[in-house]
C-alpha cells in the first residue's frame, strides 16, 4: 500500500526524495533509500499535493503488519479528491 502511495506521489511530483542517491554498491544504495523513506516526514513527502495524500500515508503507516487495510476508505479519499477537483474518472 505504501508503494502504491509512492507511485502516486511520483505521478504528482515527478520525483521522489530518494531518487538520485549515490552509493558504492547496490546494498548501500538500497540501505540509503530505506533510510530516506523511513525518515522523510509525510508532510514533507506530500508537500504541494492535496491533503488526501497526507491522510492516505498516515493511514497506511498506522496499520499493523497483519491488519487488513480499509480499501474503501483509501479509494474514497481519492474519489472525493477527483470529484472536488472535477478531474475525470476515466477508469
PDB file of N, CA and C in Angstrom:
ATOM      1  N   UNK A   1       0.828  -1.186   0.000  1.00  0.00           N
ATOM      2  CA  UNK A   1       0.000   0.000   0.000  1.00  0.00           C
ATOM      3  C   UNK A   1       0.882   1.264   0.000  1.00  0.00           C
ATOM      4  N   UNK A   2       1.953   1.217   0.759  1.00  0.00           N
ATOM      5  CA  UNK A   2       2.835   2.385   0.785  1.00  0.00           C
ATOM      6  C   UNK A   2       3.498   2.554  -0.577  1.00  0.00           C
ATOM      7  N   UNK A   3       3.858   1.448  -1.212  1.00  0.00           N
ATOM      8  CA  UNK A   3       4.457   1.512  -2.547  1.00  0.00           C
ATOM      9  C   UNK A   3       3.527   2.163  -3.555  1.00  0.00           C
ATOM     10  N   UNK A   4       2.235   1.848  -3.461  1.00  0.00           N
ATOM     11  CA  UNK A   4       1.254   2.488  -4.341  1.00  0.00           C
ATOM     12  C   UNK A   4       1.240   3.989  -4.085  1.00  0.00           C
ATOM     13  N   UNK A   5       1.315   4.363  -2.824  1.00  0.00           N
ATOM     14  CA  UNK A   5       1.372   5.789  -2.480  1.00  0.00           C
ATOM     15  C   UNK A   5       2.591   6.463  -3.074  1.00  0.00           C
ATOM     16  N   UNK A   6       3.730   5.778  -3.057  1.00  0.00           N
ATOM     17  CA  UNK A   6       4.935   6.352  -3.649  1.00  0.00           C
ATOM     18  C   UNK A   6       4.776   6.546  -5.152  1.00  0.00           C
ATOM     19  N   UNK A   7       4.123   5.608  -5.805  1.00  0.00           N
ATOM     20  CA  UNK A   7       3.879   5.744  -7.248  1.00  0.00           C
ATOM     21  C   UNK A   7       2.980   6.952  -7.501  1.00  0.00           C
ATOM     22  N   UNK A   8       1.929   7.095  -6.705  1.00  0.00           N
ATOM     23  CA  UNK A   8       1.041   8.243  -6.862  1.00  0.00           C
ATOM     24  C   UNK A   8       1.787   9.557  -6.629  1.00  0.00           C
ATOM     25  N   UNK A   9       2.662   9.572  -5.616  1.00  0.00           N
ATOM     26  CA  UNK A   9       3.454  10.785  -5.347  1.00  0.00           C
ATOM     27  C   UNK A   9       4.376  11.091  -6.522  1.00  0.00           C
ATOM     28  N   UNK A  10       4.942  10.056  -7.107  1.00  0.00           N
ATOM     29  CA  UNK A  10       5.806  10.264  -8.271  1.00  0.00           C
ATOM     30  C   UNK A  10       5.010  10.883  -9.413  1.00  0.00           C
ATOM     31  N   UNK A  11       3.796  10.386  -9.638  1.00  0.00           N
ATOM     32  CA  UNK A  11       2.963  10.953 -10.693  1.00  0.00           C
ATOM     33  C   UNK A  11       2.628  12.416 -10.406  1.00  0.00           C
ATOM     34  N   UNK A  12       2.417  12.746  -9.144  1.00  0.00           N
ATOM     35  CA  UNK A  12       2.064  14.126  -8.774  1.00  0.00           C
ATOM     36  C   UNK A  12       3.262  15.067  -8.833  1.00  0.00           C
ATOM     37  N   UNK A  13       4.425  14.595  -8.364  1.00  0.00           N
ATOM     38  CA  UNK A  13       5.579  15.485  -8.193  1.00  0.00           C
ATOM     39  C   UNK A  13       6.693  15.265  -9.210  1.00  0.00           C
ATOM     40  N   UNK A  14       6.628  14.185  -9.964  1.00  0.00           N
ATOM     41  CA  UNK A  14       7.636  13.845 -10.981  1.00  0.00           C
ATOM     42  C   UNK A  14       8.991  13.475 -10.385  1.00  0.00           C
ATOM     43  N   UNK A  15       9.075  13.358  -9.069  1.00  0.00           N
ATOM     44  CA  UNK A  15      10.326  12.953  -8.419  1.00  0.00           C
ATOM     45  C   UNK A  15      10.021  12.544  -6.977  1.00  0.00           C
ATOM     46  N   UNK A  16      10.900  11.722  -6.426  1.00  0.00           N
ATOM     47  CA  UNK A  16      10.798  11.302  -5.034  1.00  0.00           C
ATOM     48  C   UNK A  16      12.105  11.637  -4.329  1.00  0.00           C
ATOM     49  N   UNK A  17      12.066  11.864  -3.013  1.00  0.00           N
ATOM     50  CA  UNK A  17      13.262  12.322  -2.291  1.00  0.00           C
ATOM     51  C   UNK A  17      14.475  11.396  -2.404  1.00  0.00           C
ATOM     52  N   UNK A  18      14.275  10.132  -2.653  1.00  0.00           N
ATOM     53  CA  UNK A  18      15.390   9.182  -2.690  1.00  0.00           C
ATOM     54  C   UNK A  18      15.917   8.953  -4.099  1.00  0.00           C
ATOM     55  N   UNK A  19      15.356   9.597  -5.080  1.00  0.00           N
ATOM     56  CA  UNK A  19      15.871   9.432  -6.431  1.00  0.00           C
ATOM     57  C   UNK A  19      17.188  10.190  -6.562  1.00  0.00           C
ATOM     58  N   UNK A  20      18.113   9.585  -7.239  1.00  0.00           N
ATOM     59  CA  UNK A  20      19.408  10.216  -7.470  1.00  0.00           C
ATOM     60  C   UNK A  20      20.433   9.981  -6.381  1.00  0.00           C
ATOM     61  N   UNK A  21      20.103   9.166  -5.381  1.00  0.00           N
ATOM     62  CA  UNK A  21      21.091   8.860  -4.344  1.00  0.00           C
ATOM     63  C   UNK A  21      22.232   8.052  -4.953  1.00  0.00           C
ATOM     64  N   UNK A  22      23.416   8.317  -4.503  1.00  0.00           N
ATOM     65  CA  UNK A  22      24.569   7.562  -4.985  1.00  0.00           C
ATOM     66  C   UNK A  22      25.154   6.738  -3.845  1.00  0.00           C
ATOM     67  N   UNK A  23      25.786   5.644  -4.215  1.00  0.00           N
ATOM     68  CA  UNK A  23      26.401   4.759  -3.229  1.00  0.00           C
ATOM     69  C   UNK A  23      27.475   3.934  -3.912  1.00  0.00           C
ATOM     70  N   UNK A  24      28.291   3.272  -3.089  1.00  0.00           N
ATOM     71  CA  UNK A  24      29.381   2.439  -3.615  1.00  0.00           C
ATOM     72  C   UNK A  24      28.880   1.164  -4.273  1.00  0.00           C
ATOM     73  N   UNK A  25      27.755   0.644  -3.764  1.00  0.00           N
ATOM     74  CA  UNK A  25      27.214  -0.598  -4.304  1.00  0.00           C
ATOM     75  C   UNK A  25      25.699  -0.624  -4.105  1.00  0.00           C
ATOM     76  N   UNK A  26      25.058  -1.651  -4.662  1.00  0.00           N
ATOM     77  CA  UNK A  26      23.591  -1.739  -4.590  1.00  0.00           C
ATOM     78  C   UNK A  26      23.092  -1.863  -3.152  1.00  0.00           C
ATOM     79  N   UNK A  27      23.791  -2.657  -2.361  1.00  0.00           N
ATOM     80  CA  UNK A  27      23.363  -2.848  -0.974  1.00  0.00           C
ATOM     81  C   UNK A  27      23.344  -1.521  -0.228  1.00  0.00           C
ATOM     82  N   UNK A  28      24.402  -0.741  -0.388  1.00  0.00           N
ATOM     83  CA  UNK A  28      24.477   0.563   0.268  1.00  0.00           C
ATOM     84  C   UNK A  28      23.398   1.509  -0.274  1.00  0.00           C
ATOM     85  N   UNK A  29      23.172   1.469  -1.576  1.00  0.00           N
ATOM     86  CA  UNK A  29      22.163   2.333  -2.177  1.00  0.00           C
ATOM     87  C   UNK A  29      20.773   2.007  -1.635  1.00  0.00           C
ATOM     88  N   UNK A  30      20.433   0.725  -1.577  1.00  0.00           N
ATOM     89  CA  UNK A  30      19.123   0.330  -1.068  1.00  0.00           C
ATOM     90  C   UNK A  30      18.985   0.667   0.414  1.00  0.00           C
ATOM     91  N   UNK A  31      20.061   0.592   1.154  1.00  0.00           N
ATOM     92  CA  UNK A  31      20.029   0.980   2.566  1.00  0.00           C
ATOM     93  C   UNK A  31      19.749   2.479   2.690  1.00  0.00           C
ATOM     94  N   UNK A  32      20.397   3.281   1.856  1.00  0.00           N
ATOM     95  CA  UNK A  32      20.155   4.734   1.864  1.00  0.00           C
ATOM     96  C   UNK A  32      18.708   5.050   1.490  1.00  0.00           C
ATOM     97  N   UNK A  33      18.190   4.360   0.476  1.00  0.00           N
ATOM     98  CA  UNK A  33      16.798   4.568   0.056  1.00  0.00           C
ATOM     99  C   UNK A  33      15.859   4.246   1.207  1.00  0.00           C
ATOM    100  N   UNK A  34      16.106   3.123   1.880  1.00  0.00           N
ATOM    101  CA  UNK A  34      15.280   2.721   3.018  1.00  0.00           C
ATOM    102  C   UNK A  34      15.288   3.797   4.103  1.00  0.00           C
ATOM    103  N   UNK A  35      16.468   4.334   4.386  1.00  0.00           N
ATOM    104  CA  UNK A  35      16.582   5.365   5.414  1.00  0.00           C
ATOM    105  C   UNK A  35      15.822   6.629   5.034  1.00  0.00           C
ATOM    106  N   UNK A  36      15.937   7.051   3.787  1.00  0.00           N
ATOM    107  CA  UNK A  36      15.235   8.257   3.355  1.00  0.00           C
ATOM    108  C   UNK A  36      13.727   8.033   3.404  1.00  0.00           C
ATOM    109  N   UNK A  37      13.261   6.874   2.941  1.00  0.00           N
ATOM    110  CA  UNK A  37      11.828   6.570   3.009  1.00  0.00           C
ATOM    111  C   UNK A  37      11.341   6.601   4.452  1.00  0.00           C
ATOM    112  N   UNK A  38      12.097   6.003   5.344  1.00  0.00           N
ATOM    113  CA  UNK A  38      11.718   5.931   6.757  1.00  0.00           C
ATOM    114  C   UNK A  38      11.758   7.307   7.426  1.00  0.00           C
ATOM    115  N   UNK A  39      12.755   8.109   7.080  1.00  0.00           N
ATOM    116  CA  UNK A  39      12.995   9.361   7.793  1.00  0.00           C
ATOM    117  C   UNK A  39      12.301  10.583   7.196  1.00  0.00           C
ATOM    118  N   UNK A  40      11.738  10.458   6.006  1.00  0.00           N
ATOM    119  CA  UNK A  40      11.058  11.597   5.390  1.00  0.00           C
ATOM    120  C   UNK A  40       9.659  11.719   5.984  1.00  0.00           C
ATOM    121  N   UNK A  41       9.376  12.831   6.677  1.00  0.00           N
ATOM    122  CA  UNK A  41       8.033  13.004   7.241  1.00  0.00           C
ATOM    123  C   UNK A  41       6.977  13.054   6.130  1.00  0.00           C
ATOM    124  N   UNK A  42       5.800  12.565   6.444  1.00  0.00           N
ATOM    125  CA  UNK A  42       4.711  12.530   5.471  1.00  0.00           C
ATOM    126  C   UNK A  42       4.427  13.934   4.929  1.00  0.00           C
ATOM    127  N   UNK A  43       4.450  14.938   5.805  1.00  0.00           N
ATOM    128  CA  UNK A  43       4.177  16.307   5.352  1.00  0.00           C
ATOM    129  C   UNK A  43       5.200  16.784   4.330  1.00  0.00           C
ATOM    130  N   UNK A  44       6.436  16.363   4.481  1.00  0.00           N
ATOM    131  CA  UNK A  44       7.486  16.736   3.525  1.00  0.00           C
ATOM    132  C   UNK A  44       7.313  15.956   2.223  1.00  0.00           C
ATOM    133  N   UNK A  45       7.063  14.670   2.340  1.00  0.00           N
ATOM    134  CA  UNK A  45       6.853  13.832   1.159  1.00  0.00           C
ATOM    135  C   UNK A  45       5.699  14.356   0.313  1.00  0.00           C
ATOM    136  N   UNK A  46       4.632  14.788   0.962  1.00  0.00           N
ATOM    137  CA  UNK A  46       3.410  15.193   0.262  1.00  0.00           C
ATOM    138  C   UNK A  46       3.302  16.700   0.055  1.00  0.00           C
ATOM    139  N   UNK A  47       4.367  17.426   0.315  1.00  0.00           N
ATOM    140  CA  UNK A  47       4.346  18.879   0.184  1.00  0.00           C
ATOM    141  C   UNK A  47       3.906  19.296  -1.218  1.00  0.00           C
ATOM    142  N   UNK A  48       2.942  20.206  -1.266  1.00  0.00           N
ATOM    143  CA  UNK A  48       2.448  20.699  -2.541  1.00  0.00           C
ATOM    144  C   UNK A  48       1.355  19.852  -3.165  1.00  0.00           C
ATOM    145  N   UNK A  49       0.990  18.768  -2.508  1.00  0.00           N
ATOM    146  CA  UNK A  49      -0.052  17.875  -3.018  1.00  0.00           C
ATOM    147  C   UNK A  49      -1.308  18.015  -2.163  1.00  0.00           C
ATOM    148  N   UNK A  50      -2.441  17.593  -2.679  1.00  0.00           N
ATOM    149  CA  UNK A  50      -3.682  17.665  -1.897  1.00  0.00           C
ATOM    150  C   UNK A  50      -3.575  16.906  -0.573  1.00  0.00           C
ATOM    151  N   UNK A  51      -4.314  17.360   0.413  1.00  0.00           N
ATOM    152  CA  UNK A  51      -4.268  16.808   1.776  1.00  0.00           C
ATOM    153  C   UNK A  51      -4.626  15.327   1.837  1.00  0.00           C
ATOM    154  N   UNK A  52      -5.344  14.836   0.823  1.00  0.00           N
ATOM    155  CA  UNK A  52      -5.724  13.424   0.802  1.00  0.00           C
ATOM    156  C   UNK A  52      -4.499  12.505   0.779  1.00  0.00           C
ATOM    157  N   UNK A  53      -3.410  12.969   0.208  1.00  0.00           N
ATOM    158  CA  UNK A  53      -2.192  12.162   0.182  1.00  0.00           C
ATOM    159  C   UNK A  53      -1.607  12.013   1.584  1.00  0.00           C
ATOM    160  N   UNK A  54      -1.628  13.086   2.354  1.00  0.00           N
ATOM    161  CA  UNK A  54      -1.161  13.013   3.742  1.00  0.00           C
ATOM    162  C   UNK A  54      -2.049  12.052   4.530  1.00  0.00           C
ATOM    163  N   UNK A  55      -3.359  12.172   4.349  1.00  0.00           N
ATOM    164  CA  UNK A  55      -4.287  11.271   5.041  1.00  0.00           C
ATOM    165  C   UNK A  55      -4.013   9.818   4.660  1.00  0.00           C
ATOM    166  N   UNK A  56      -3.786   9.572   3.373  1.00  0.00           N
ATOM    167  CA  UNK A  56      -3.519   8.218   2.895  1.00  0.00           C
ATOM    168  C   UNK A  56      -2.262   7.645   3.553  1.00  0.00           C
ATOM    169  N   UNK A  57      -1.152   8.394   3.493  1.00  0.00           N
ATOM    170  CA  UNK A  57       0.096   7.891   4.068  1.00  0.00           C
ATOM    171  C   UNK A  57      -0.013   7.715   5.581  1.00  0.00           C
ATOM    172  N   UNK A  58      -0.631   8.654   6.257  1.00  0.00           N
ATOM    173  CA  UNK A  58      -0.787   8.499   7.708  1.00  0.00           C
ATOM    174  C   UNK A  58      -1.615   7.263   8.039  1.00  0.00           C
ATOM    175  N   UNK A  59      -2.652   7.016   7.244  1.00  0.00           N
ATOM    176  CA  UNK A  59      -3.488   5.841   7.479  1.00  0.00           C
ATOM    177  C   UNK A  59      -2.695   4.552   7.260  1.00  0.00           C
ATOM    178  N   UNK A  60      -2.046   4.425   6.115  1.00  0.00           N
ATOM    179  CA  UNK A  60      -1.364   3.155   5.837  1.00  0.00           C
ATOM    180  C   UNK A  60      -0.174   2.933   6.761  1.00  0.00           C
ATOM    181  N   UNK A  61       0.467   4.000   7.189  1.00  0.00           N
ATOM    182  CA  UNK A  61       1.582   3.839   8.123  1.00  0.00           C
ATOM    183  C   UNK A  61       1.116   3.500   9.527  1.00  0.00           C
ATOM    184  N   UNK A  62      -0.165   3.726   9.814  1.00  0.00           N
ATOM    185  CA  UNK A  62      -0.699   3.396  11.138  1.00  0.00           C
ATOM    186  C   UNK A  62      -1.138   1.932  11.233  1.00  0.00           C
ATOM    187  N   UNK A  63      -1.224   1.255  10.095  1.00  0.00           N
ATOM    188  CA  UNK A  63      -1.675  -0.137  10.090  1.00  0.00           C
ATOM    189  C   UNK A  63      -0.624  -1.065  10.688  1.00  0.00           C
ATOM    190  N   UNK A  64      -1.093  -2.065  11.382  1.00  0.00           N
ATOM    191  CA  UNK A  64      -0.202  -3.124  11.843  1.00  0.00           C
ATOM    192  C   UNK A  64       0.047  -4.070  10.668  1.00  0.00           C
ATOM    193  N   UNK A  65       1.139  -4.810  10.704  1.00  0.00           N
ATOM    194  CA  UNK A  65       1.520  -5.668   9.587  1.00  0.00           C
ATOM    195  C   UNK A  65       0.408  -6.636   9.198  1.00  0.00           C
ATOM    196  N   UNK A  66      -0.262  -7.208  10.173  1.00  0.00           N
ATOM    197  CA  UNK A  66      -1.286  -8.219   9.923  1.00  0.00           C
ATOM    198  C   UNK A  66      -2.652  -7.622   9.595  1.00  0.00           C
ATOM    199  N   UNK A  67      -2.801  -6.326   9.780  1.00  0.00           N
ATOM    200  CA  UNK A  67      -4.095  -5.671   9.634  1.00  0.00           C
ATOM    201  C   UNK A  67      -4.489  -5.521   8.164  1.00  0.00           C
ATOM    202  N   UNK A  68      -5.733  -5.793   7.876  1.00  0.00           N
ATOM    203  CA  UNK A  68      -6.250  -5.645   6.517  1.00  0.00           C
ATOM    204  C   UNK A  68      -6.655  -4.189   6.323  1.00  0.00           C
ATOM    205  N   UNK A  69      -6.120  -3.547   5.299  1.00  0.00           N
ATOM    206  CA  UNK A  69      -6.462  -2.137   5.058  1.00  0.00           C
ATOM    207  C   UNK A  69      -7.936  -1.964   4.711  1.00  0.00           C
ATOM    208  N   UNK A  70      -8.457  -0.806   5.019  1.00  0.00           N
ATOM    209  CA  UNK A  70      -9.818  -0.439   4.621  1.00  0.00           C
ATOM    210  C   UNK A  70      -9.707   0.171   3.222  1.00  0.00           C
ATOM    211  N   UNK A  71      -9.813  -0.697   2.225  1.00  0.00           N
ATOM    212  CA  UNK A  71      -9.639  -0.266   0.843  1.00  0.00           C
ATOM    213  C   UNK A  71     -10.700   0.748   0.432  1.00  0.00           C
ATOM    214  N   UNK A  72     -11.896   0.608   0.957  1.00  0.00           N
ATOM    215  CA  UNK A  72     -12.969   1.555   0.627  1.00  0.00           C
ATOM    216  C   UNK A  72     -12.608   2.957   1.109  1.00  0.00           C
ATOM    217  N   UNK A  73     -12.034   3.031   2.299  1.00  0.00           N
ATOM    218  CA  UNK A  73     -11.600   4.332   2.821  1.00  0.00           C
ATOM    219  C   UNK A  73     -10.544   4.952   1.904  1.00  0.00           C
ATOM    220  N   UNK A  74      -9.563   4.157   1.518  1.00  0.00           N
ATOM    221  CA  UNK A  74      -8.478   4.668   0.670  1.00  0.00           C
ATOM    222  C   UNK A  74      -9.008   5.126  -0.689  1.00  0.00           C
ATOM    223  N   UNK A  75      -9.848   4.304  -1.309  1.00  0.00           N
ATOM    224  CA  UNK A  75     -10.440   4.696  -2.590  1.00  0.00           C
ATOM    225  C   UNK A  75     -11.277   5.957  -2.429  1.00  0.00           C
ATOM    226  N   UNK A  76     -12.009   6.016  -1.330  1.00  0.00           N
ATOM    227  CA  UNK A  76     -12.864   7.172  -1.076  1.00  0.00           C
ATOM    228  C   UNK A  76     -12.089   8.469  -0.964  1.00  0.00           C
ATOM    229  N   UNK A  77     -10.908   8.407  -0.367  1.00  0.00           N
ATOM    230  CA  UNK A  77     -10.073   9.611  -0.283  1.00  0.00           C
ATOM    231  C   UNK A  77      -9.827  10.197  -1.664  1.00  0.00           C
ATOM    232  N   UNK A  78      -9.435   9.328  -2.585  1.00  0.00           N
ATOM    233  CA  UNK A  78      -9.050   9.807  -3.907  1.00  0.00           C
ATOM    234  C   UNK A  78     -10.252  10.049  -4.816  1.00  0.00           C
ATOM    235  N   UNK A  79     -11.315   9.293  -4.628  1.00  0.00           N
ATOM    236  CA  UNK A  79     -12.531   9.578  -5.405  1.00  0.00           C
ATOM    237  C   UNK A  79     -13.109  10.930  -4.998  1.00  0.00           C
ATOM    238  N   UNK A  80     -13.095  11.211  -3.706  1.00  0.00           N
ATOM    239  CA  UNK A  80     -13.557  12.516  -3.231  1.00  0.00           C
ATOM    240  C   UNK A  80     -12.709  13.641  -3.789  1.00  0.00           C
ATOM    241  N   UNK A  81     -11.404  13.431  -3.829  1.00  0.00           N
ATOM    242  CA  UNK A  81     -10.493  14.436  -4.384  1.00  0.00           C
ATOM    243  C   UNK A  81     -10.784  14.662  -5.863  1.00  0.00           C
ATOM    244  N   UNK A  82     -10.977  13.581  -6.590  1.00  0.00           N
ATOM    245  CA  UNK A  82     -11.248  13.711  -8.023  1.00  0.00           C
ATOM    246  C   UNK A  82     -12.552  14.466  -8.261  1.00  0.00           C
ATOM    247  N   UNK A  83     -13.543  14.183  -7.428  1.00  0.00           N
ATOM    248  CA  UNK A  83     -14.822  14.886  -7.560  1.00  0.00           C
ATOM    249  C   UNK A  83     -14.657  16.365  -7.216  1.00  0.00           C
ATOM    250  N   UNK A  84     -13.942  16.641  -6.122  1.00  0.00           N
ATOM    251  CA  UNK A  84     -13.709  18.027  -5.683  1.00  0.00           C
ATOM    252  C   UNK A  84     -12.986  18.837  -6.756  1.00  0.00           C
ATOM    253  N   UNK A  85     -12.001  18.220  -7.403  1.00  0.00           N
ATOM    254  CA  UNK A  85     -11.191  18.915  -8.422  1.00  0.00           C
ATOM    255  C   UNK A  85     -11.838  18.829  -9.815  1.00  0.00           C
ATOM    256  N   UNK A  86     -12.945  18.109  -9.922  1.00  0.00           N
ATOM    257  CA  UNK A  86     -13.624  17.897 -11.199  1.00  0.00           C
ATOM    258  C   UNK A  86     -12.705  17.226 -12.218  1.00  0.00           C
ATOM    259  N   UNK A  87     -11.851  16.321 -11.711  1.00  0.00           N
ATOM    260  CA  UNK A  87     -10.999  15.535 -12.587  1.00  0.00           C
ATOM    261  C   UNK A  87     -11.832  14.385 -13.154  1.00  0.00           C
ATOM    262  N   UNK A  88     -11.640  14.050 -14.406  1.00  0.00           N
ATOM    263  CA  UNK A  88     -12.457  12.972 -14.993  1.00  0.00           C
ATOM    264  C   UNK A  88     -12.106  11.609 -14.395  1.00  0.00           C
ATOM    265  N   UNK A  89     -13.139  10.830 -14.160  1.00  0.00           N
ATOM    266  CA  UNK A  89     -12.939   9.454 -13.693  1.00  0.00           C
ATOM    267  C   UNK A  89     -13.054   8.562 -14.917  1.00  0.00           C
ATOM    268  N   UNK A  90     -11.973   8.479 -15.641  1.00  0.00           N
ATOM    269  CA  UNK A  90     -11.982   7.764 -16.917  1.00  0.00           C
ATOM    270  C   UNK A  90     -11.343   6.377 -16.806  1.00  0.00           C
ATOM    271  N   UNK A  91     -11.567   5.746 -15.686  1.00  0.00           N
ATOM    272  CA  UNK A  91     -11.007   4.407 -15.480  1.00  0.00           C
ATOM    273  C   UNK A  91     -12.097   3.395 -15.293  1.00  0.00           C
TER     274      UNK A  91
END
